[in-house]
Amino acid sequence: MSAFEFFFSFYGLVLGLSVAVIATGVARAFKHRKTVPVGWKTPLLAAFVALDIATFWDAAWVNFSTAPYSYGLLIAGLVVATIYFVATSLIFPEPDDEVQGLDAHFWANKRAVMLLLILANLMMLIGAVCVSMTKGGGLEVAYSYGLNLIIYLVLVIPAALTRRAWLFALTVGLHIALYLYLAGLSILNPAVMVAASVGGS
């Protein structure tokens, strides 16, 4: 096992817990759908966060596969993965929360979830830029990272701050469509996607 594989196995394990939290929440919501109305907002948020985690996971593999292993890198990965875990734990209510429907829980926690995602992606950007600056063409890569972050923030910040359901649906729906487009493109042309991969957005 290489040093990076050791780091990524630990990072992936902790980040994978976030996926498990989402899956558990989805299963619980489906199980109690007749007594606790699900609506569409919470499922849309859960879908976006799940895709964001997958994109983030992929970006970590691409950006840090050549980075030298260090204890600091391990701690940074732990911090970012923990941020995602906290965010995912807020998407669905706990069994003892006794909510009447998921919409009320959504409006109470949506902003925190989205802002935590922004924090995680900002940390990824900083790490990726630091790694890229040690290679040739680092400024070009950093510029590309910045452009991707701008797109991410333009869609995520309004979704985080709005109290309008239609605006949340529009911004998050566009971002989900972008993620799915990139996923399809990566299947058709993996080499191009690896070369173009930038940050967690």
Protein backbone atom coordinates (compact mmCIF):
# COMPACT_ATOMS: atom_id res chain seq x y z
CA MET A 1 0.00 0.00 0.00
CA SER A 2 1.38 3.39 -1.01
CA ALA A 3 1.38 6.40 1.32
CA PHE A 4 -1.46 8.00 -0.66
CA GLU A 5 -3.53 4.81 -0.60
CA PHE A 6 -3.11 4.75 3.17
CA PHE A 7 -4.30 8.37 3.42
CA PHE A 8 -7.18 7.84 1.00
CA SER A 9 -8.41 4.69 2.74
CA PHE A 10 -8.71 6.65 5.99
CA TYR A 11 -10.20 9.70 4.27
CA GLY A 12 -12.64 7.56 2.29
CA LEU A 13 -13.73 5.69 5.40
CA VAL A 14 -14.63 8.87 7.27
CA LEU A 15 -16.23 10.48 4.20
CA GLY A 16 -18.15 7.28 3.54
CA LEU A 17 -19.86 7.68 6.89
CA SER A 18 -21.56 10.77 5.46
CA VAL A 19 -22.99 8.72 2.61
CA ALA A 20 -24.24 6.18 5.15
CA VAL A 21 -25.96 8.97 7.11
CA ILE A 22 -27.78 10.13 3.97
CA ALA A 23 -28.79 6.59 3.04
CA THR A 24 -30.08 5.98 6.57
CA GLY A 25 -32.09 9.20 6.47
CA VAL A 26 -33.60 8.32 3.10
CA ALA A 27 -34.56 4.86 4.34
CA ARG A 28 -36.11 6.27 7.52
CA ALA A 29 -38.06 8.91 5.59
CA PHE A 30 -39.38 6.30 3.17
CA LYS A 31 -40.31 3.98 6.01
CA HIS A 32 -42.35 6.65 7.81
CA ARG A 33 -43.68 8.39 4.68
CA LYS A 34 -47.32 7.72 5.63
CA THR A 35 -47.05 9.39 9.03
CA VAL A 36 -44.38 12.04 8.32
CA PRO A 37 -44.85 13.91 5.01
CA VAL A 38 -41.62 13.88 3.01
CA GLY A 39 -42.22 16.61 0.43
CA TRP A 40 -39.61 17.35 -2.24
CA LYS A 41 -37.23 19.82 -0.60
CA THR A 42 -35.40 17.42 1.72
CA PRO A 43 -34.95 14.72 -0.96
CA LEU A 44 -33.58 17.37 -3.34
CA LEU A 45 -31.15 18.59 -0.69
CA ALA A 46 -30.08 15.02 0.07
CA ALA A 47 -29.49 14.28 -3.62
CA PHE A 48 -27.37 17.40 -4.01
CA VAL A 49 -25.25 16.68 -0.94
CA ALA A 50 -24.71 13.07 -2.02
CA LEU A 51 -23.52 14.19 -5.46
CA ASP A 52 -21.35 16.88 -3.87
CA ILE A 53 -19.68 14.23 -1.70
CA ALA A 54 -19.07 11.99 -4.72
CA THR A 55 -17.58 14.91 -6.66
CA PHE A 56 -15.48 15.91 -3.68
CA TRP A 57 -14.25 12.34 -3.26
CA ASP A 58 -13.24 12.19 -6.92
CA ALA A 59 -11.50 15.57 -6.70
CA ALA A 60 -9.48 14.44 -3.68
CA TRP A 61 -8.25 11.40 -5.60
CA VAL A 62 -7.23 13.47 -8.64
CA ASN A 63 -5.72 16.43 -6.80
CA PHE A 64 -3.82 14.67 -4.02
CA SER A 65 -2.73 11.40 -5.63
CA THR A 66 0.72 12.88 -6.30
CA ALA A 67 0.97 14.91 -3.09
CA PRO A 68 3.53 13.70 -0.54
CA TYR A 69 1.94 12.04 2.47
CA SER A 70 2.10 13.91 5.75
CA TYR A 71 0.38 13.88 9.12
CA GLY A 72 -0.97 17.34 8.29
CA LEU A 73 -2.64 15.98 5.15
CA LEU A 74 -4.27 13.26 7.24
CA ILE A 75 -5.62 15.81 9.75
CA ALA A 76 -6.85 18.11 6.96
CA GLY A 77 -8.72 15.18 5.42
CA LEU A 78 -10.22 14.34 8.80
CA VAL A 79 -11.43 17.93 9.30
CA VAL A 80 -13.03 18.15 5.85
CA ALA A 81 -14.67 14.73 6.15
CA THR A 82 -16.02 15.69 9.59
CA ILE A 83 -17.54 18.86 8.13
CA TYR A 84 -19.38 16.72 5.59
CA PHE A 85 -20.51 14.34 8.32
CA VAL A 86 -21.99 17.19 10.36
CA ALA A 87 -23.71 18.58 7.25
CA THR A 88 -25.28 15.25 6.34
CA SER A 89 -26.45 14.67 9.91
CA LEU A 90 -28.59 17.81 9.61
CA ILE A 91 -30.44 16.82 6.43
CA PHE A 92 -32.91 14.41 8.03
CA PRO A 93 -34.41 14.64 11.54
CA GLU A 94 -33.47 12.13 14.21
CA PRO A 95 -36.10 9.54 15.26
CA ASP A 96 -36.72 11.33 18.57
CA ASP A 97 -37.19 14.79 16.99
CA GLU A 98 -40.94 14.17 16.59
CA VAL A 99 -41.32 16.35 13.51
CA GLN A 100 -44.70 16.74 11.82
CA GLY A 101 -43.12 16.88 8.37
CA LEU A 102 -39.72 17.17 6.75
CA ASP A 103 -40.32 20.66 5.35
CA ALA A 104 -40.10 22.34 8.76
CA HIS A 105 -36.85 20.51 9.49
CA PHE A 106 -35.57 21.48 6.05
CA TRP A 107 -36.08 25.21 6.60
CA ALA A 108 -34.50 25.02 10.05
CA ASN A 109 -31.32 23.30 8.83
CA LYS A 110 -30.90 23.97 5.10
CA ARG A 111 -28.72 27.06 5.53
CA ALA A 112 -26.32 25.32 7.91
CA VAL A 113 -26.00 22.33 5.57
CA MET A 114 -25.19 24.46 2.53
CA LEU A 115 -22.75 26.73 4.36
CA LEU A 116 -20.88 23.69 5.68
CA LEU A 117 -20.57 22.42 2.11
CA ILE A 118 -19.13 25.78 1.07
CA LEU A 119 -16.58 25.56 3.90
CA ALA A 120 -15.52 22.05 2.87
CA ASN A 121 -15.12 23.08 -0.76
CA LEU A 122 -13.12 26.18 0.18
CA MET A 123 -10.75 23.97 2.16
CA MET A 124 -10.43 21.65 -0.84
CA LEU A 125 -9.66 24.63 -3.07
CA ILE A 126 -6.91 25.85 -0.75
CA GLY A 127 -5.37 22.39 -0.55
CA ALA A 128 -5.58 21.79 -4.29
CA VAL A 129 -4.03 25.17 -5.10
CA CYS A 130 -1.18 24.53 -2.65
CA VAL A 131 -0.48 21.19 -4.32
CA SER A 132 -0.76 22.62 -7.85
CA MET A 133 1.70 25.43 -7.08
CA THR A 134 4.43 22.84 -6.56
CA LYS A 135 3.99 21.64 -10.16
CA GLY A 136 4.44 23.21 -13.55
CA GLY A 137 1.54 25.40 -14.67
CA GLY A 138 0.37 25.90 -11.11
CA LEU A 139 -1.04 29.37 -11.77
CA GLU A 140 -3.13 28.07 -14.65
CA VAL A 141 -4.54 25.31 -12.50
CA ALA A 142 -5.24 27.75 -9.66
CA TYR A 143 -7.11 30.01 -12.11
CA SER A 144 -9.25 27.06 -13.24
CA TYR A 145 -9.98 26.14 -9.62
CA GLY A 146 -11.08 29.71 -8.99
CA LEU A 147 -13.49 29.72 -11.93
CA ASN A 148 -15.05 26.48 -10.76
CA LEU A 149 -15.41 27.84 -7.25
CA ILE A 150 -17.18 30.94 -8.58
CA ILE A 151 -19.72 28.73 -10.38
CA TYR A 152 -20.16 26.70 -7.21
CA LEU A 153 -20.73 29.78 -5.04
CA VAL A 154 -23.10 31.45 -7.53
CA LEU A 155 -25.40 28.45 -7.24
CA VAL A 156 -24.90 27.39 -3.63
CA ILE A 157 -24.96 30.73 -1.78
CA PRO A 158 -28.44 31.73 -3.06
CA ALA A 159 -29.68 28.22 -2.28
CA ALA A 160 -28.28 28.53 1.24
CA LEU A 161 -29.73 31.95 2.01
CA THR A 162 -33.08 31.96 0.22
CA ARG A 163 -36.43 31.37 1.90
CA ARG A 164 -38.07 30.87 -1.49
CA ALA A 165 -38.65 27.25 -2.41
CA TRP A 166 -38.59 27.96 -6.15
CA LEU A 167 -35.17 29.63 -5.97
CA PHE A 168 -33.76 26.75 -3.96
CA ALA A 169 -35.18 24.28 -6.49
CA LEU A 170 -33.74 26.28 -9.41
CA THR A 171 -30.19 26.71 -8.08
CA VAL A 172 -29.85 23.22 -6.61
CA GLY A 173 -31.57 21.65 -9.60
CA LEU A 174 -29.09 23.35 -11.94
CA HIS A 175 -26.19 22.14 -9.82
CA ILE A 176 -27.50 18.58 -9.77
CA ALA A 177 -27.90 18.73 -13.56
CA LEU A 178 -24.29 19.93 -13.83
CA TYR A 179 -23.05 17.08 -11.65
CA LEU A 180 -25.00 14.51 -13.67
CA TYR A 181 -23.70 15.99 -16.92
CA LEU A 182 -20.12 15.73 -15.67
CA ALA A 183 -20.77 12.16 -14.52
CA GLY A 184 -22.06 11.22 -17.96
CA LEU A 185 -19.16 12.99 -19.66
CA SER A 186 -16.66 11.14 -17.48
CA ILE A 187 -18.13 7.82 -18.62
CA LEU A 188 -17.90 8.79 -22.29
CA ASN A 189 -14.45 10.39 -22.06
CA PRO A 190 -12.63 9.61 -18.79
CA ALA A 191 -9.27 10.99 -19.93
CA VAL A 192 -10.66 14.46 -20.60
CA MET A 193 -12.44 14.55 -17.24
CA VAL A 194 -9.30 13.57 -15.33
CA ALA A 195 -7.34 16.30 -17.07
CA ALA A 196 -10.06 18.87 -16.40
CA SER A 197 -10.84 17.87 -12.84
CA VAL A 198 -10.61 20.86 -10.53
CA GLY A 199 -11.56 21.16 -6.91
CA GLY A 200 -14.68 19.80 -5.33
CA SER A 201 -17.07 21.69 -7.57
